[in-house]
PDB file of N, CA and C in Angstrom:
ATOM      1  N   UNK A   1       0.824  -1.260   0.011  1.00  0.00           N
ATOM      2  CA  UNK A   1       0.160  -0.363  -0.047  1.00  0.00           C
ATOM      3  C   UNK A   1       1.029   0.957   0.523  1.00  0.00           C
ATOM      4  N   UNK A   2       0.800   2.257  -0.872  1.00  0.00           N
ATOM      5  CA  UNK A   2       1.556   3.323  -1.106  1.00  0.00           C
ATOM      6  C   UNK A   2       0.962   4.747   0.163  1.00  0.00           C
ATOM      7  N   UNK A   3       1.960   5.064   0.288  1.00  0.00           N
ATOM      8  CA  UNK A   3       1.346   5.980   1.811  1.00  0.00           C
ATOM      9  C   UNK A   3       1.190   7.692   1.051  1.00  0.00           C
ATOM     10  N   UNK A   4       0.942   8.550   1.314  1.00  0.00           N
ATOM     11  CA  UNK A   4       1.140  10.088   1.101  1.00  0.00           C
ATOM     12  C   UNK A   4       2.115  10.794   2.173  1.00  0.00           C
ATOM     13  N   UNK A   5       3.078  10.486   1.608  1.00  0.00           N
ATOM     14  CA  UNK A   5       4.914  11.270   2.224  1.00  0.00           C
ATOM     15  C   UNK A   5       4.601  12.324   3.155  1.00  0.00           C
ATOM     16  N   UNK A   6       3.395  13.147   3.781  1.00  0.00           N
ATOM     17  CA  UNK A   6       2.798  13.961   4.288  1.00  0.00           C
ATOM     18  C   UNK A   6       2.266  13.898   5.310  1.00  0.00           C
ATOM     19  N   UNK A   7       1.825  12.181   5.263  1.00  0.00           N
ATOM     20  CA  UNK A   7       1.702  10.976   6.944  1.00  0.00           C
ATOM     21  C   UNK A   7       2.377  10.252   7.365  1.00  0.00           C
ATOM     22  N   UNK A   8       4.097  10.842   6.889  1.00  0.00           N
ATOM     23  CA  UNK A   8       5.153  10.458   7.842  1.00  0.00           C
ATOM     24  C   UNK A   8       5.347  11.042   9.385  1.00  0.00           C
ATOM     25  N   UNK A   9       6.147  10.330  10.430  1.00  0.00           N
ATOM     26  CA  UNK A   9       6.512  10.554  11.359  1.00  0.00           C
ATOM     27  C   UNK A   9       7.596  10.054  12.045  1.00  0.00           C
ATOM     28  N   UNK A  10       8.676  10.562  12.202  1.00  0.00           N
ATOM     29  CA  UNK A  10       9.146  10.354  13.007  1.00  0.00           C
ATOM     30  C   UNK A  10       9.419  10.222  14.303  1.00  0.00           C
ATOM     31  N   UNK A  11       8.988  10.018  15.312  1.00  0.00           N
ATOM     32  CA  UNK A  11       9.300   9.644  16.864  1.00  0.00           C
ATOM     33  C   UNK A  11      10.528   9.705  17.224  1.00  0.00           C
ATOM     34  N   UNK A  12      11.413  10.406  18.090  1.00  0.00           N
ATOM     35  CA  UNK A  12      12.376  10.530  18.468  1.00  0.00           C
ATOM     36  C   UNK A  12      12.716   9.896  20.121  1.00  0.00           C
ATOM     37  N   UNK A  13      13.835   9.597  20.888  1.00  0.00           N
ATOM     38  CA  UNK A  13      13.362   9.421  22.262  1.00  0.00           C
ATOM     39  C   UNK A  13      14.058   8.283  22.769  1.00  0.00           C
ATOM     40  N   UNK A  14      14.745   9.078  24.024  1.00  0.00           N
ATOM     41  CA  UNK A  14      15.745   8.692  25.332  1.00  0.00           C
ATOM     42  C   UNK A  14      15.202   8.053  25.888  1.00  0.00           C
ATOM     43  N   UNK A  15      15.446   6.915  26.521  1.00  0.00           N
ATOM     44  CA  UNK A  15      14.861   6.193  27.357  1.00  0.00           C
ATOM     45  C   UNK A  15      16.081   6.013  28.747  1.00  0.00           C
ATOM     46  N   UNK A  16      15.830   6.263  29.821  1.00  0.00           N
ATOM     47  CA  UNK A  16      16.398   5.444  30.570  1.00  0.00           C
ATOM     48  C   UNK A  16      15.545   4.871  32.109  1.00  0.00           C
ATOM     49  N   UNK A  17      16.496   4.384  32.458  1.00  0.00           N
ATOM     50  CA  UNK A  17      16.490   3.303  33.565  1.00  0.00           C
ATOM     51  C   UNK A  17      15.685   2.037  33.100  1.00  0.00           C
ATOM     52  N   UNK A  18      16.735   1.866  32.297  1.00  0.00           N
ATOM     53  CA  UNK A  18      16.115   0.620  31.578  1.00  0.00           C
ATOM     54  C   UNK A  18      16.665  -0.876  31.679  1.00  0.00           C
ATOM     55  N   UNK A  19      16.044  -1.862  31.592  1.00  0.00           N
ATOM     56  CA  UNK A  19      16.419  -2.885  32.348  1.00  0.00           C
ATOM     57  C   UNK A  19      16.601  -4.118  30.939  1.00  0.00           C
ATOM     58  N   UNK A  20      17.849  -4.915  30.335  1.00  0.00           N
ATOM     59  CA  UNK A  20      17.835  -5.726  30.036  1.00  0.00           C
ATOM     60  C   UNK A  20      18.000  -5.517  28.567  1.00  0.00           C
ATOM     61  N   UNK A  21      19.153  -4.246  28.299  1.00  0.00           N
ATOM     62  CA  UNK A  21      19.561  -3.642  27.247  1.00  0.00           C
ATOM     63  C   UNK A  21      20.919  -4.285  25.994  1.00  0.00           C
ATOM     64  N   UNK A  22      21.409  -5.211  27.026  1.00  0.00           N
ATOM     65  CA  UNK A  22      22.074  -6.026  26.162  1.00  0.00           C
ATOM     66  C   UNK A  22      21.766  -7.558  25.842  1.00  0.00           C
ATOM     67  N   UNK A  23      20.351  -7.665  26.406  1.00  0.00           N
ATOM     68  CA  UNK A  23      20.089  -8.536  26.211  1.00  0.00           C
ATOM     69  C   UNK A  23      18.832  -9.187  24.777  1.00  0.00           C
ATOM     70  N   UNK A  24      20.167  -9.088  23.722  1.00  0.00           N
ATOM     71  CA  UNK A  24      19.861  -9.271  21.862  1.00  0.00           C
ATOM     72  C   UNK A  24      18.310 -10.033  21.653  1.00  0.00           C
ATOM     73  N   UNK A  25      18.176 -11.394  22.585  1.00  0.00           N
ATOM     74  CA  UNK A  25      16.900 -11.276  21.983  1.00  0.00           C
ATOM     75  C   UNK A  25      15.625 -10.813  22.364  1.00  0.00           C
ATOM     76  N   UNK A  26      16.096  -9.655  23.702  1.00  0.00           N
ATOM     77  CA  UNK A  26      15.090  -8.933  23.986  1.00  0.00           C
ATOM     78  C   UNK A  26      15.040  -7.652  23.103  1.00  0.00           C
ATOM     79  N   UNK A  27      15.760  -7.409  22.375  1.00  0.00           N
ATOM     80  CA  UNK A  27      16.084  -6.310  22.127  1.00  0.00           C
ATOM     81  C   UNK A  27      15.061  -6.367  20.727  1.00  0.00           C
ATOM     82  N   UNK A  28      15.154  -7.717  20.387  1.00  0.00           N
ATOM     83  CA  UNK A  28      14.771  -8.372  18.687  1.00  0.00           C
ATOM     84  C   UNK A  28      13.050  -8.409  19.038  1.00  0.00           C
ATOM     85  N   UNK A  29      12.587  -9.096  20.385  1.00  0.00           N
ATOM     86  CA  UNK A  29      11.435  -9.648  20.539  1.00  0.00           C
ATOM     87  C   UNK A  29      11.237  -7.316  20.309  1.00  0.00           C
ATOM     88  N   UNK A  30      11.781  -6.716  21.254  1.00  0.00           N
ATOM     89  CA  UNK A  30      11.097  -5.489  21.410  1.00  0.00           C
ATOM     90  C   UNK A  30      10.286  -4.573  20.330  1.00  0.00           C
ATOM     91  N   UNK A  31      11.945  -4.418  19.047  1.00  0.00           N
ATOM     92  CA  UNK A  31      11.213  -4.305  17.763  1.00  0.00           C
ATOM     93  C   UNK A  31      10.300  -4.246  17.509  1.00  0.00           C
ATOM     94  N   UNK A  32      10.262  -5.874  17.334  1.00  0.00           N
ATOM     95  CA  UNK A  32       8.860  -6.825  16.283  1.00  0.00           C
ATOM     96  C   UNK A  32       7.882  -6.761  17.038  1.00  0.00           C
ATOM     97  N   UNK A  33       7.343  -6.886  18.152  1.00  0.00           N
ATOM     98  CA  UNK A  33       6.373  -6.112  18.903  1.00  0.00           C
ATOM     99  C   UNK A  33       5.898  -4.388  18.743  1.00  0.00           C
ATOM    100  N   UNK A  34       7.120  -3.820  18.555  1.00  0.00           N
ATOM    101  CA  UNK A  34       6.529  -2.227  18.097  1.00  0.00           C
ATOM    102  C   UNK A  34       6.257  -1.902  16.967  1.00  0.00           C
ATOM    103  N   UNK A  35       6.845  -2.782  16.174  1.00  0.00           N
ATOM    104  CA  UNK A  35       6.436  -2.700  15.386  1.00  0.00           C
ATOM    105  C   UNK A  35       5.234  -2.930  14.995  1.00  0.00           C
ATOM    106  N   UNK A  36       4.460  -4.238  15.025  1.00  0.00           N
ATOM    107  CA  UNK A  36       3.085  -4.165  15.111  1.00  0.00           C
ATOM    108  C   UNK A  36       2.028  -3.761  16.242  1.00  0.00           C
ATOM    109  N   UNK A  37       2.391  -2.845  17.162  1.00  0.00           N
ATOM    110  CA  UNK A  37       1.898  -2.169  18.090  1.00  0.00           C
ATOM    111  C   UNK A  37       1.949  -0.603  17.099  1.00  0.00           C
ATOM    112  N   UNK A  38       3.111  -0.543  16.705  1.00  0.00           N
ATOM    113  CA  UNK A  38       2.738   0.903  15.370  1.00  0.00           C
ATOM    114  C   UNK A  38       1.737   0.579  14.090  1.00  0.00           C
ATOM    115  N   UNK A  39       0.930  -0.674  14.063  1.00  0.00           N
ATOM    116  CA  UNK A  39       0.370  -1.057  12.757  1.00  0.00           C
ATOM    117  C   UNK A  39       1.262  -0.751  11.699  1.00  0.00           C
ATOM    118  N   UNK A  40       2.302  -1.290  11.809  1.00  0.00           N
ATOM    119  CA  UNK A  40       3.418  -1.561  10.517  1.00  0.00           C
ATOM    120  C   UNK A  40       4.090  -2.292  10.138  1.00  0.00           C
ATOM    121  N   UNK A  41       4.709  -2.623   8.900  1.00  0.00           N
ATOM    122  CA  UNK A  41       4.491  -3.961   8.074  1.00  0.00           C
ATOM    123  C   UNK A  41       6.009  -4.330   8.497  1.00  0.00           C
ATOM    124  N   UNK A  42       6.524  -5.247   9.285  1.00  0.00           N
ATOM    125  CA  UNK A  42       7.814  -5.992   9.585  1.00  0.00           C
ATOM    126  C   UNK A  42       8.430  -6.680   8.181  1.00  0.00           C
ATOM    127  N   UNK A  43       9.538  -5.587   7.557  1.00  0.00           N
ATOM    128  CA  UNK A  43      10.299  -6.534   6.616  1.00  0.00           C
ATOM    129  C   UNK A  43      11.562  -7.425   7.210  1.00  0.00           C
ATOM    130  N   UNK A  44      11.540  -6.921   8.379  1.00  0.00           N
ATOM    131  CA  UNK A  44      13.280  -7.445   8.717  1.00  0.00           C
ATOM    132  C   UNK A  44      13.894  -6.815   9.590  1.00  0.00           C
ATOM    133  N   UNK A  45      14.554  -7.326  10.430  1.00  0.00           N
ATOM    134  CA  UNK A  45      14.439  -7.181  12.084  1.00  0.00           C
ATOM    135  C   UNK A  45      16.396  -7.322  12.048  1.00  0.00           C
ATOM    136  N   UNK A  46      17.268  -6.389  11.773  1.00  0.00           N
ATOM    137  CA  UNK A  46      18.664  -7.081  11.932  1.00  0.00           C
ATOM    138  C   UNK A  46      19.488  -6.230  13.567  1.00  0.00           C
ATOM    139  N   UNK A  47      20.338  -6.496  13.965  1.00  0.00           N
ATOM    140  CA  UNK A  47      20.576  -5.984  15.637  1.00  0.00           C
ATOM    141  C   UNK A  47      22.531  -6.913  15.142  1.00  0.00           C
ATOM    142  N   UNK A  48      22.898  -5.712  16.094  1.00  0.00           N
ATOM    143  CA  UNK A  48      24.683  -6.181  16.135  1.00  0.00           C
ATOM    144  C   UNK A  48      24.225  -6.543  17.934  1.00  0.00           C
ATOM    145  N   UNK A  49      25.504  -6.961  18.678  1.00  0.00           N
ATOM    146  CA  UNK A  49      25.828  -6.449  19.769  1.00  0.00           C
ATOM    147  C   UNK A  49      27.136  -7.032  19.903  1.00  0.00           C
ATOM    148  N   UNK A  50      27.773  -5.972  20.755  1.00  0.00           N
ATOM    149  CA  UNK A  50      28.395  -5.120  20.958  1.00  0.00           C
ATOM    150  C   UNK A  50      29.554  -5.878  21.970  1.00  0.00           C
ATOM    151  N   UNK A  51      29.223  -7.224  22.537  1.00  0.00           N
ATOM    152  CA  UNK A  51      30.569  -7.956  23.305  1.00  0.00           C
ATOM    153  C   UNK A  51      29.880  -7.693  24.696  1.00  0.00           C
ATOM    154  N   UNK A  52      29.793  -8.736  25.029  1.00  0.00           N
ATOM    155  CA  UNK A  52      29.718  -9.364  27.072  1.00  0.00           C
ATOM    156  C   UNK A  52      29.498  -8.012  27.949  1.00  0.00           C
ATOM    157  N   UNK A  53      28.495  -7.350  28.024  1.00  0.00           N
ATOM    158  CA  UNK A  53      28.221  -6.165  29.369  1.00  0.00           C
ATOM    159  C   UNK A  53      28.347  -4.560  27.848  1.00  0.00           C
ATOM    160  N   UNK A  54      28.628  -5.191  26.508  1.00  0.00           N
ATOM    161  CA  UNK A  54      28.075  -3.905  25.781  1.00  0.00           C
ATOM    162  C   UNK A  54      26.573  -3.779  25.362  1.00  0.00           C
ATOM    163  N   UNK A  55      26.732  -2.737  24.948  1.00  0.00           N
ATOM    164  CA  UNK A  55      24.890  -2.710  24.521  1.00  0.00           C
ATOM    165  C   UNK A  55      24.719  -3.648  22.882  1.00  0.00           C
ATOM    166  N   UNK A  56      24.066  -2.710  22.054  1.00  0.00           N
ATOM    167  CA  UNK A  56      22.941  -3.111  20.941  1.00  0.00           C
ATOM    168  C   UNK A  56      22.544  -2.280  20.257  1.00  0.00           C
ATOM    169  N   UNK A  57      22.731  -2.509  18.875  1.00  0.00           N
ATOM    170  CA  UNK A  57      22.110  -1.804  17.822  1.00  0.00           C
ATOM    171  C   UNK A  57      21.291  -2.345  17.076  1.00  0.00           C
ATOM    172  N   UNK A  58      19.862  -1.862  16.840  1.00  0.00           N
ATOM    173  CA  UNK A  58      19.042  -3.094  16.288  1.00  0.00           C
ATOM    174  C   UNK A  58      18.091  -2.041  15.965  1.00  0.00           C
ATOM    175  N   UNK A  59      17.614  -2.393  14.350  1.00  0.00           N
ATOM    176  CA  UNK A  59      16.974  -1.512  13.676  1.00  0.00           C
ATOM    177  C   UNK A  59      16.109  -2.722  12.430  1.00  0.00           C
ATOM    178  N   UNK A  60      14.522  -2.782  13.062  1.00  0.00           N
ATOM    179  CA  UNK A  60      13.795  -3.163  11.779  1.00  0.00           C
ATOM    180  C   UNK A  60      13.061  -2.478  11.395  1.00  0.00           C
ATOM    181  N   UNK A  61      13.298  -3.144  10.196  1.00  0.00           N
ATOM    182  CA  UNK A  61      12.754  -2.524   8.550  1.00  0.00           C
ATOM    183  C   UNK A  61      11.287  -2.716   8.385  1.00  0.00           C
ATOM    184  N   UNK A  62      10.738  -1.669   8.178  1.00  0.00           N
ATOM    185  CA  UNK A  62       9.550  -1.918   7.991  1.00  0.00           C
ATOM    186  C   UNK A  62       8.957  -1.063   6.480  1.00  0.00           C
ATOM    187  N   UNK A  63       7.810  -1.681   5.410  1.00  0.00           N
ATOM    188  CA  UNK A  63       7.835  -1.009   4.829  1.00  0.00           C
ATOM    189  C   UNK A  63       6.858   0.558   5.202  1.00  0.00           C
ATOM    190  N   UNK A  64       7.213   0.715   5.756  1.00  0.00           N
ATOM    191  CA  UNK A  64       6.674   2.632   5.953  1.00  0.00           C
ATOM    192  C   UNK A  64       7.616   3.123   6.734  1.00  0.00           C
ATOM    193  N   UNK A  65       9.330   2.685   6.652  1.00  0.00           N
ATOM    194  CA  UNK A  65      10.179   2.982   6.959  1.00  0.00           C
ATOM    195  C   UNK A  65      11.322   1.881   8.335  1.00  0.00           C
ATOM    196  N   UNK A  66      11.477   2.877   9.191  1.00  0.00           N
ATOM    197  CA  UNK A  66      11.786   1.784  10.059  1.00  0.00           C
ATOM    198  C   UNK A  66      12.146   1.833  11.801  1.00  0.00           C
ATOM    199  N   UNK A  67      11.891   1.062  12.781  1.00  0.00           N
ATOM    200  CA  UNK A  67      12.574   2.003  13.931  1.00  0.00           C
ATOM    201  C   UNK A  67      13.755   0.913  14.485  1.00  0.00           C
ATOM    202  N   UNK A  68      14.950   1.822  14.860  1.00  0.00           N
ATOM    203  CA  UNK A  68      15.691   2.004  15.839  1.00  0.00           C
ATOM    204  C   UNK A  68      16.344   1.582  16.890  1.00  0.00           C
ATOM    205  N   UNK A  69      17.182   0.960  17.473  1.00  0.00           N
ATOM    206  CA  UNK A  69      17.710   1.284  18.700  1.00  0.00           C
ATOM    207  C   UNK A  69      19.095   1.127  18.846  1.00  0.00           C
ATOM    208  N   UNK A  70      19.441   1.734  19.707  1.00  0.00           N
ATOM    209  CA  UNK A  70      20.929   1.806  20.732  1.00  0.00           C
ATOM    210  C   UNK A  70      21.224   1.511  22.034  1.00  0.00           C
ATOM    211  N   UNK A  71      21.592   1.001  22.623  1.00  0.00           N
ATOM    212  CA  UNK A  71      21.375   0.778  24.028  1.00  0.00           C
ATOM    213  C   UNK A  71      22.770   0.727  24.900  1.00  0.00           C
ATOM    214  N   UNK A  72      22.777   1.411  25.884  1.00  0.00           N
ATOM    215  CA  UNK A  72      24.174   1.531  26.802  1.00  0.00           C
ATOM    216  C   UNK A  72      23.421   0.516  27.771  1.00  0.00           C
ATOM    217  N   UNK A  73      24.129  -0.490  28.300  1.00  0.00           N
ATOM    218  CA  UNK A  73      23.432  -0.952  29.197  1.00  0.00           C
ATOM    219  C   UNK A  73      24.378  -0.971  30.688  1.00  0.00           C
ATOM    220  N   UNK A  74      25.397  -0.396  30.477  1.00  0.00           N
ATOM    221  CA  UNK A  74      25.978   0.604  31.449  1.00  0.00           C
ATOM    222  C   UNK A  74      25.603   1.553  32.282  1.00  0.00           C
ATOM    223  N   UNK A  75      24.748   2.239  31.594  1.00  0.00           N
ATOM    224  CA  UNK A  75      23.695   3.603  31.654  1.00  0.00           C
ATOM    225  C   UNK A  75      22.313   3.550  31.998  1.00  0.00           C
ATOM    226  N   UNK A  76      22.370   2.485  31.610  1.00  0.00           N
ATOM    227  CA  UNK A  76      20.489   1.859  31.486  1.00  0.00           C
ATOM    228  C   UNK A  76      19.986   2.777  30.673  1.00  0.00           C
ATOM    229  N   UNK A  77      20.317   3.131  29.937  1.00  0.00           N
ATOM    230  CA  UNK A  77      19.693   4.807  28.442  1.00  0.00           C
ATOM    231  C   UNK A  77      19.889   3.512  27.268  1.00  0.00           C
ATOM    232  N   UNK A  78      19.247   4.376  26.453  1.00  0.00           N
ATOM    233  CA  UNK A  78      19.105   3.505  25.016  1.00  0.00           C
ATOM    234  C   UNK A  78      18.048   4.778  23.717  1.00  0.00           C
ATOM    235  N   UNK A  79      18.686   4.771  22.953  1.00  0.00           N
ATOM    236  CA  UNK A  79      17.810   6.047  21.877  1.00  0.00           C
ATOM    237  C   UNK A  79      16.884   4.901  21.236  1.00  0.00           C
ATOM    238  N   UNK A  80      16.255   5.294  20.824  1.00  0.00           N
ATOM    239  CA  UNK A  80      14.889   4.921  20.124  1.00  0.00           C
ATOM    240  C   UNK A  80      14.240   5.631  18.809  1.00  0.00           C
ATOM    241  N   UNK A  81      14.591   5.387  18.185  1.00  0.00           N
ATOM    242  CA  UNK A  81      13.871   6.296  16.814  1.00  0.00           C
ATOM    243  C   UNK A  81      12.610   5.679  16.126  1.00  0.00           C
ATOM    244  N   UNK A  82      11.615   6.126  15.804  1.00  0.00           N
ATOM    245  CA  UNK A  82      10.616   5.478  15.114  1.00  0.00           C
ATOM    246  C   UNK A  82      10.131   6.379  14.147  1.00  0.00           C
ATOM    247  N   UNK A  83      10.596   5.631  13.022  1.00  0.00           N
ATOM    248  CA  UNK A  83      10.224   6.932  11.801  1.00  0.00           C
ATOM    249  C   UNK A  83       8.865   5.650  10.463  1.00  0.00           C
ATOM    250  N   UNK A  84       7.765   6.831  11.448  1.00  0.00           N
ATOM    251  CA  UNK A  84       6.605   5.038  10.182  1.00  0.00           C
ATOM    252  C   UNK A  84       5.795   6.201   9.718  1.00  0.00           C
ATOM    253  N   UNK A  85       5.159   5.646   8.165  1.00  0.00           N
ATOM    254  CA  UNK A  85       4.199   6.593   7.527  1.00  0.00           C
ATOM    255  C   UNK A  85       2.747   5.399   6.953  1.00  0.00           C
ATOM    256  N   UNK A  86       1.884   6.715   6.838  1.00  0.00           N
ATOM    257  CA  UNK A  86       1.000   6.280   6.544  1.00  0.00           C
ATOM    258  C   UNK A  86      -0.418   6.954   7.753  1.00  0.00           C
ATOM    259  N   UNK A  87      -1.523   6.545   7.754  1.00  0.00           N
ATOM    260  CA  UNK A  87      -2.419   8.145   8.465  1.00  0.00           C
ATOM    261  C   UNK A  87      -2.915   7.038   9.536  1.00  0.00           C
ATOM    262  N   UNK A  88      -2.908   5.502   9.213  1.00  0.00           N
ATOM    263  CA  UNK A  88      -2.745   4.208  10.430  1.00  0.00           C
ATOM    264  C   UNK A  88      -1.579   3.665  11.656  1.00  0.00           C
ATOM    265  N   UNK A  89      -0.802   4.264  10.924  1.00  0.00           N
ATOM    266  CA  UNK A  89       0.724   3.974  11.429  1.00  0.00           C
ATOM    267  C   UNK A  89       0.447   4.812  13.222  1.00  0.00           C
ATOM    268  N   UNK A  90       0.853   4.211  14.033  1.00  0.00           N
ATOM    269  CA  UNK A  90       0.609   4.362  15.769  1.00  0.00           C
ATOM    270  C   UNK A  90       2.551   4.541  15.962  1.00  0.00           C
ATOM    271  N   UNK A  91       3.569   5.687  15.710  1.00  0.00           N
ATOM    272  CA  UNK A  91       4.565   5.545  16.635  1.00  0.00           C
ATOM    273  C   UNK A  91       4.638   5.753  18.210  1.00  0.00           C
ATOM    274  N   UNK A  92       3.345   6.433  18.879  1.00  0.00           N
ATOM    275  CA  UNK A  92       2.967   6.617  19.936  1.00  0.00           C
ATOM    276  C   UNK A  92       3.533   4.990  20.561  1.00  0.00           C
ATOM    277  N   UNK A  93       2.056   4.307  19.994  1.00  0.00           N
ATOM    278  CA  UNK A  93       1.830   2.881  20.692  1.00  0.00           C
ATOM    279  C   UNK A  93       3.412   1.949  20.307  1.00  0.00           C
ATOM    280  N   UNK A  94       3.866   1.902  19.020  1.00  0.00           N
ATOM    281  CA  UNK A  94       5.733   1.114  19.623  1.00  0.00           C
ATOM    282  C   UNK A  94       6.192   1.709  20.328  1.00  0.00           C
ATOM    283  N   UNK A  95       6.797   3.217  20.661  1.00  0.00           N
ATOM    284  CA  UNK A  95       7.352   3.668  21.726  1.00  0.00           C
ATOM    285  C   UNK A  95       7.342   2.767  23.020  1.00  0.00           C
ATOM    286  N   UNK A  96       6.129   3.178  23.348  1.00  0.00           N
ATOM    287  CA  UNK A  96       5.143   2.203  24.418  1.00  0.00           C
ATOM    288  C   UNK A  96       5.203   0.790  24.562  1.00  0.00           C
ATOM    289  N   UNK A  97       6.050   0.292  24.157  1.00  0.00           N
ATOM    290  CA  UNK A  97       5.331  -1.589  23.874  1.00  0.00           C
ATOM    291  C   UNK A  97       7.089  -1.508  23.385  1.00  0.00           C
ATOM    292  N   UNK A  98       7.732  -0.591  23.200  1.00  0.00           N
ATOM    293  CA  UNK A  98       9.502  -0.645  23.905  1.00  0.00           C
ATOM    294  C   UNK A  98       9.849  -0.469  25.108  1.00  0.00           C
ATOM    295  N   UNK A  99       8.935   0.362  26.002  1.00  0.00           N
ATOM    296  CA  UNK A  99       8.731   1.205  27.348  1.00  0.00           C
ATOM    297  C   UNK A  99       9.116   0.059  27.795  1.00  0.00           C
ATOM    298  N   UNK A 100       7.781  -0.827  27.858  1.00  0.00           N
ATOM    299  CA  UNK A 100       7.682  -2.036  28.457  1.00  0.00           C
ATOM    300  C   UNK A 100       8.016  -2.652  28.725  1.00  0.00           C
ATOM    301  N   UNK A 101       8.648  -3.626  27.099  1.00  0.00           N
ATOM    302  CA  UNK A 101       9.257  -4.413  27.354  1.00  0.00           C
ATOM    303  C   UNK A 101      11.016  -4.051  28.126  1.00  0.00           C
ATOM    304  N   UNK A 102      11.137  -2.910  27.916  1.00  0.00           N
ATOM    305  CA  UNK A 102      12.944  -2.778  28.201  1.00  0.00           C
ATOM    306  C   UNK A 102      12.931  -1.969  30.251  1.00  0.00           C
ATOM    307  N   UNK A 103      11.231  -1.808  30.807  1.00  0.00           N
ATOM    308  CA  UNK A 103      10.701  -1.312  31.953  1.00  0.00           C
ATOM    309  C   UNK A 103      11.654  -0.122  32.325  1.00  0.00           C
ATOM    310  N   UNK A 104      12.288   0.636  30.749  1.00  0.00           N
ATOM    311  CA  UNK A 104      12.325   2.128  30.782  1.00  0.00           C
ATOM    312  C   UNK A 104      11.080   3.176  30.473  1.00  0.00           C
ATOM    313  N   UNK A 105      11.652   4.178  31.384  1.00  0.00           N
ATOM    314  CA  UNK A 105      11.115   5.504  31.521  1.00  0.00           C
ATOM    315  C   UNK A 105      11.598   6.555  29.955  1.00  0.00           C
ATOM    316  N   UNK A 106      10.388   7.478  29.784  1.00  0.00           N
ATOM    317  CA  UNK A 106      10.863   8.559  28.086  1.00  0.00           C
ATOM    318  C   UNK A 106      11.793   9.551  29.130  1.00  0.00           C
ATOM    319  N   UNK A 107      12.224   9.681  29.188  1.00  0.00           N
ATOM    320  CA  UNK A 107      12.825  10.239  29.374  1.00  0.00           C
ATOM    321  C   UNK A 107      13.017  12.163  28.452  1.00  0.00           C
ATOM    322  N   UNK A 108      13.135  11.997  27.513  1.00  0.00           N
ATOM    323  CA  UNK A 108      12.956  12.689  26.039  1.00  0.00           C
ATOM    324  C   UNK A 108      12.402  12.786  24.931  1.00  0.00           C
ATOM    325  N   UNK A 109      11.078  13.253  24.791  1.00  0.00           N
ATOM    326  CA  UNK A 109      11.094  12.630  23.102  1.00  0.00           C
ATOM    327  C   UNK A 109      10.735  13.673  22.056  1.00  0.00           C
ATOM    328  N   UNK A 110      10.542  13.403  20.892  1.00  0.00           N
ATOM    329  CA  UNK A 110      10.289  14.663  19.895  1.00  0.00           C
ATOM    330  C   UNK A 110      10.360  14.378  18.710  1.00  0.00           C
ATOM    331  N   UNK A 111       8.864  14.468  18.035  1.00  0.00           N
ATOM    332  CA  UNK A 111       8.058  14.150  16.724  1.00  0.00           C
ATOM    333  C   UNK A 111       7.822  15.083  15.828  1.00  0.00           C
ATOM    334  N   UNK A 112       8.419  14.574  14.467  1.00  0.00           N
ATOM    335  CA  UNK A 112       8.871  15.462  13.398  1.00  0.00           C
ATOM    336  C   UNK A 112       7.948  15.073  12.488  1.00  0.00           C
ATOM    337  N   UNK A 113       7.057  15.782  12.141  1.00  0.00           N
ATOM    338  CA  UNK A 113       5.750  15.722  10.982  1.00  0.00           C
ATOM    339  C   UNK A 113       7.792  15.426   9.508  1.00  0.00           C
ATOM    340  N   UNK A 114       7.212  14.313   8.880  1.00  0.00           N
ATOM    341  CA  UNK A 114       8.373  14.659   7.724  1.00  0.00           C
ATOM    342  C   UNK A 114       8.074  14.942   6.638  1.00  0.00           C
ATOM    343  N   UNK A 115       8.483  15.362   5.822  1.00  0.00           N
ATOM    344  CA  UNK A 115       8.223  15.243   3.855  1.00  0.00           C
ATOM    345  C   UNK A 115       6.837  15.571   3.629  1.00  0.00           C
ATOM    346  N   UNK A 116       5.940  16.282   4.357  1.00  0.00           N
ATOM    347  CA  UNK A 116       4.987  17.366   4.029  1.00  0.00           C
ATOM    348  C   UNK A 116       5.273  18.230   3.400  1.00  0.00           C
ATOM    349  N   UNK A 117       4.038  18.229   2.266  1.00  0.00           N
ATOM    350  CA  UNK A 117       3.739  18.784   1.182  1.00  0.00           C
ATOM    351  C   UNK A 117       3.387  20.157   1.049  1.00  0.00           C
ATOM    352  N   UNK A 118       2.989  20.517   1.842  1.00  0.00           N
ATOM    353  CA  UNK A 118       2.701  21.900   2.454  1.00  0.00           C
ATOM    354  C   UNK A 118       3.587  23.059   2.108  1.00  0.00           C
ATOM    355  N   UNK A 119       4.952  23.001   2.011  1.00  0.00           N
ATOM    356  CA  UNK A 119       5.937  23.779   1.810  1.00  0.00           C
ATOM    357  C   UNK A 119       6.961  23.069   0.878  1.00  0.00           C
ATOM    358  N   UNK A 120       6.837  22.732   0.540  1.00  0.00           N
ATOM    359  CA  UNK A 120       7.647  21.769  -0.758  1.00  0.00           C
ATOM    360  C   UNK A 120       9.173  22.850  -1.400  1.00  0.00           C
ATOM    361  N   UNK A 121       9.109  24.112  -0.706  1.00  0.00           N
ATOM    362  CA  UNK A 121      10.640  24.649  -1.376  1.00  0.00           C
ATOM    363  C   UNK A 121      11.441  24.444   0.467  1.00  0.00           C
ATOM    364  N   UNK A 122      10.714  24.294   0.899  1.00  0.00           N
ATOM    365  CA  UNK A 122      11.255  24.540   2.379  1.00  0.00           C
ATOM    366  C   UNK A 122      12.499  23.229   2.123  1.00  0.00           C
TER     367      UNK A 122
END
């Protein structure tokens, strides 16, 4: 299904007080369930673990764009990026799902409307 570019939302969040940030299986489950909660079509999940005691970088490739996460277990923090397209997509629900899995809190978040056509020269 094609989506109008003006339905694109980029939700960027910093999480703290998280648990399980070095658990690659938990991160994968978080990404997969976040995609489902966001009402997005999951195409693939790619993950990289940086070693014992270290964090994980993960990306869920969506038909509607992507969800990514970068974790720092030694600090209990994670950077999350949800970029979704389509009027039915729900980036906030995806973020809530990740927070629930990681038992974390949103420290900061910003929503950016992307690719809007209201001012095509800007």
